Amino acid sequence: MQREPLRKAIEWLEKRQDQEYKYWDASSMNKRYPVGSTQERFMRDAATGFAALALAAAEPERGKRIR
């Protein structure tokens, strides 16, 4: 059984994942970028990569199902 903080972190990530396209959104703390810009897409890609890594580390069996 998972520890409570880990379970809450996983729930937090799952609730914030875009339900249609499955990415995690992110914004820069330093600057607002135009919608659809390369910078905005980079932030989204980075957030999605980190979220996926966190989920894969927390739930190794989930990663096996995706492949």
N, C-alpha and C. Protein backbone atom coordinates (compact mmCIF):
# COMPACT_ATOMS: atom_id res chain seq x y z
N MET A 1 0.84 -1.19 0.00
CA MET A 1 0.00 0.00 0.00
C MET A 1 0.88 1.25 0.00
N GLN A 2 0.45 2.26 -0.75
CA GLN A 2 1.24 3.48 -0.86
C GLN A 2 1.08 4.34 0.39
N ARG A 3 2.11 5.10 0.63
CA ARG A 3 2.04 6.08 1.72
C ARG A 3 1.07 7.19 1.32
N GLU A 4 0.45 7.78 2.29
CA GLU A 4 -0.56 8.82 2.06
C GLU A 4 -0.05 10.01 1.23
N PRO A 5 1.12 10.58 1.53
CA PRO A 5 1.59 11.71 0.71
C PRO A 5 1.79 11.33 -0.76
N LEU A 6 2.28 10.14 -1.01
CA LEU A 6 2.47 9.69 -2.39
C LEU A 6 1.13 9.52 -3.08
N ARG A 7 0.17 8.94 -2.39
CA ARG A 7 -1.17 8.77 -2.97
C ARG A 7 -1.78 10.13 -3.32
N LYS A 8 -1.63 11.11 -2.43
CA LYS A 8 -2.17 12.44 -2.68
C LYS A 8 -1.48 13.10 -3.87
N ALA A 9 -0.17 12.91 -3.99
CA ALA A 9 0.57 13.49 -5.11
C ALA A 9 0.11 12.89 -6.44
N ILE A 10 -0.10 11.60 -6.45
CA ILE A 10 -0.59 10.93 -7.67
C ILE A 10 -1.98 11.44 -8.02
N GLU A 11 -2.85 11.57 -7.04
CA GLU A 11 -4.19 12.10 -7.29
C GLU A 11 -4.12 13.51 -7.84
N TRP A 12 -3.23 14.33 -7.28
CA TRP A 12 -3.07 15.71 -7.73
C TRP A 12 -2.68 15.74 -9.21
N LEU A 13 -1.71 14.91 -9.58
CA LEU A 13 -1.28 14.85 -10.98
C LEU A 13 -2.42 14.38 -11.89
N GLU A 14 -3.12 13.34 -11.46
CA GLU A 14 -4.19 12.80 -12.29
C GLU A 14 -5.32 13.81 -12.50
N LYS A 15 -5.65 14.58 -11.48
CA LYS A 15 -6.72 15.58 -11.59
C LYS A 15 -6.35 16.73 -12.51
N ARG A 16 -5.07 17.01 -12.62
CA ARG A 16 -4.63 18.16 -13.41
C ARG A 16 -4.20 17.80 -14.83
N GLN A 17 -4.30 16.54 -15.18
CA GLN A 17 -3.97 16.12 -16.54
C GLN A 17 -5.12 16.48 -17.47
N ASP A 18 -4.79 17.07 -18.62
CA ASP A 18 -5.80 17.38 -19.61
C ASP A 18 -6.49 16.09 -20.03
N GLN A 19 -7.80 16.05 -19.92
CA GLN A 19 -8.53 14.81 -20.17
C GLN A 19 -8.64 14.46 -21.65
N GLU A 20 -8.58 15.46 -22.51
CA GLU A 20 -8.69 15.17 -23.94
C GLU A 20 -7.34 14.80 -24.56
N TYR A 21 -6.32 15.62 -24.30
CA TYR A 21 -5.03 15.43 -24.97
C TYR A 21 -3.97 14.81 -24.07
N LYS A 22 -4.27 14.65 -22.78
CA LYS A 22 -3.42 13.93 -21.81
C LYS A 22 -2.11 14.63 -21.47
N TYR A 23 -1.99 15.93 -21.63
CA TYR A 23 -0.79 16.64 -21.23
C TYR A 23 -1.03 17.33 -19.89
N TRP A 24 0.05 17.81 -19.28
CA TRP A 24 -0.04 18.64 -18.09
C TRP A 24 0.38 20.04 -18.50
N ASP A 25 -0.42 21.01 -18.16
CA ASP A 25 -0.14 22.39 -18.52
C ASP A 25 0.83 23.01 -17.53
N ALA A 26 1.55 24.02 -17.96
CA ALA A 26 2.48 24.73 -17.10
C ALA A 26 2.58 26.17 -17.58
N SER A 27 2.96 27.02 -16.68
CA SER A 27 3.19 28.41 -17.07
C SER A 27 4.50 28.87 -16.43
N SER A 28 5.11 29.84 -17.06
CA SER A 28 6.36 30.39 -16.55
C SER A 28 6.07 31.35 -15.41
N MET A 29 6.89 31.31 -14.39
CA MET A 29 6.76 32.26 -13.30
C MET A 29 7.34 33.61 -13.69
N ASN A 30 8.11 33.64 -14.76
CA ASN A 30 8.82 34.86 -15.15
C ASN A 30 8.13 35.67 -16.24
N LYS A 31 7.36 35.00 -17.09
CA LYS A 31 6.80 35.71 -18.24
C LYS A 31 5.59 34.96 -18.78
N ARG A 32 4.62 35.72 -19.29
CA ARG A 32 3.48 35.12 -19.98
C ARG A 32 3.82 35.01 -21.46
N TYR A 33 3.62 33.82 -22.00
CA TYR A 33 3.91 33.61 -23.42
C TYR A 33 2.62 33.55 -24.21
N PRO A 34 2.67 33.96 -25.47
CA PRO A 34 1.46 33.90 -26.30
C PRO A 34 0.94 32.47 -26.43
N VAL A 35 -0.37 32.34 -26.50
CA VAL A 35 -1.00 31.03 -26.66
C VAL A 35 -0.50 30.39 -27.95
N GLY A 36 -0.08 29.15 -27.86
CA GLY A 36 0.39 28.42 -29.03
C GLY A 36 1.83 28.69 -29.40
N SER A 37 2.52 29.53 -28.64
CA SER A 37 3.92 29.85 -28.97
C SER A 37 4.83 28.66 -28.66
N THR A 38 6.01 28.71 -29.22
CA THR A 38 7.00 27.67 -28.97
C THR A 38 7.31 27.59 -27.48
N GLN A 39 7.42 28.74 -26.83
CA GLN A 39 7.73 28.75 -25.40
C GLN A 39 6.61 28.11 -24.59
N GLU A 40 5.37 28.40 -24.94
CA GLU A 40 4.25 27.80 -24.22
C GLU A 40 4.23 26.28 -24.41
N ARG A 41 4.45 25.84 -25.63
CA ARG A 41 4.48 24.40 -25.89
C ARG A 41 5.66 23.74 -25.18
N PHE A 42 6.80 24.42 -25.10
CA PHE A 42 7.95 23.88 -24.37
C PHE A 42 7.61 23.68 -22.90
N MET A 43 6.96 24.67 -22.30
CA MET A 43 6.58 24.57 -20.88
C MET A 43 5.63 23.39 -20.68
N ARG A 44 4.69 23.22 -21.59
CA ARG A 44 3.74 22.11 -21.50
C ARG A 44 4.45 20.77 -21.66
N ASP A 45 5.36 20.69 -22.62
CA ASP A 45 6.11 19.45 -22.82
C ASP A 45 6.98 19.11 -21.61
N ALA A 46 7.61 20.12 -21.03
CA ALA A 46 8.44 19.88 -19.85
C ALA A 46 7.59 19.41 -18.68
N ALA A 47 6.47 20.06 -18.46
CA ALA A 47 5.58 19.66 -17.35
C ALA A 47 5.08 18.24 -17.55
N THR A 48 4.72 17.91 -18.78
CA THR A 48 4.23 16.56 -19.07
C THR A 48 5.33 15.52 -18.85
N GLY A 49 6.54 15.84 -19.26
CA GLY A 49 7.65 14.92 -19.06
C GLY A 49 7.92 14.67 -17.59
N PHE A 50 7.94 15.73 -16.79
CA PHE A 50 8.19 15.56 -15.36
C PHE A 50 7.05 14.82 -14.67
N ALA A 51 5.81 15.09 -15.06
CA ALA A 51 4.68 14.38 -14.47
C ALA A 51 4.74 12.90 -14.82
N ALA A 52 5.05 12.59 -16.07
CA ALA A 52 5.14 11.19 -16.49
C ALA A 52 6.26 10.46 -15.75
N LEU A 53 7.40 11.13 -15.58
CA LEU A 53 8.50 10.52 -14.82
C LEU A 53 8.10 10.25 -13.37
N ALA A 54 7.41 11.21 -12.77
CA ALA A 54 6.98 11.04 -11.38
C ALA A 54 6.01 9.88 -11.24
N LEU A 55 5.05 9.78 -12.16
CA LEU A 55 4.09 8.69 -12.11
C LEU A 55 4.76 7.34 -12.37
N ALA A 56 5.69 7.32 -13.31
CA ALA A 56 6.39 6.07 -13.61
C ALA A 56 7.22 5.60 -12.42
N ALA A 57 7.83 6.53 -11.72
CA ALA A 57 8.63 6.15 -10.56
C ALA A 57 7.74 5.71 -9.40
N ALA A 58 6.58 6.35 -9.27
CA ALA A 58 5.68 6.03 -8.16
C ALA A 58 4.91 4.74 -8.40
N GLU A 59 4.60 4.49 -9.66
CA GLU A 59 3.79 3.33 -10.01
C GLU A 59 4.43 2.60 -11.19
N PRO A 60 5.47 1.83 -10.97
CA PRO A 60 6.17 1.16 -12.07
C PRO A 60 5.26 0.30 -12.94
N GLU A 61 4.25 -0.30 -12.36
CA GLU A 61 3.36 -1.16 -13.14
C GLU A 61 2.56 -0.35 -14.15
N ARG A 62 2.25 0.91 -13.86
CA ARG A 62 1.52 1.75 -14.80
C ARG A 62 2.30 1.92 -16.08
N GLY A 63 3.61 2.16 -15.97
CA GLY A 63 4.45 2.34 -17.14
C GLY A 63 4.47 1.09 -18.02
N LYS A 64 4.42 -0.07 -17.42
CA LYS A 64 4.42 -1.31 -18.18
C LYS A 64 3.14 -1.47 -18.98
N ARG A 65 2.03 -0.99 -18.45
CA ARG A 65 0.75 -1.10 -19.16
C ARG A 65 0.69 -0.20 -20.38
N ILE A 66 1.38 0.95 -20.32
CA ILE A 66 1.34 1.92 -21.40
C ILE A 66 2.08 1.41 -22.64
N ARG A 67 3.16 0.70 -22.43
CA ARG A 67 3.99 0.25 -23.55
C ARG A 67 3.27 -0.71 -24.39
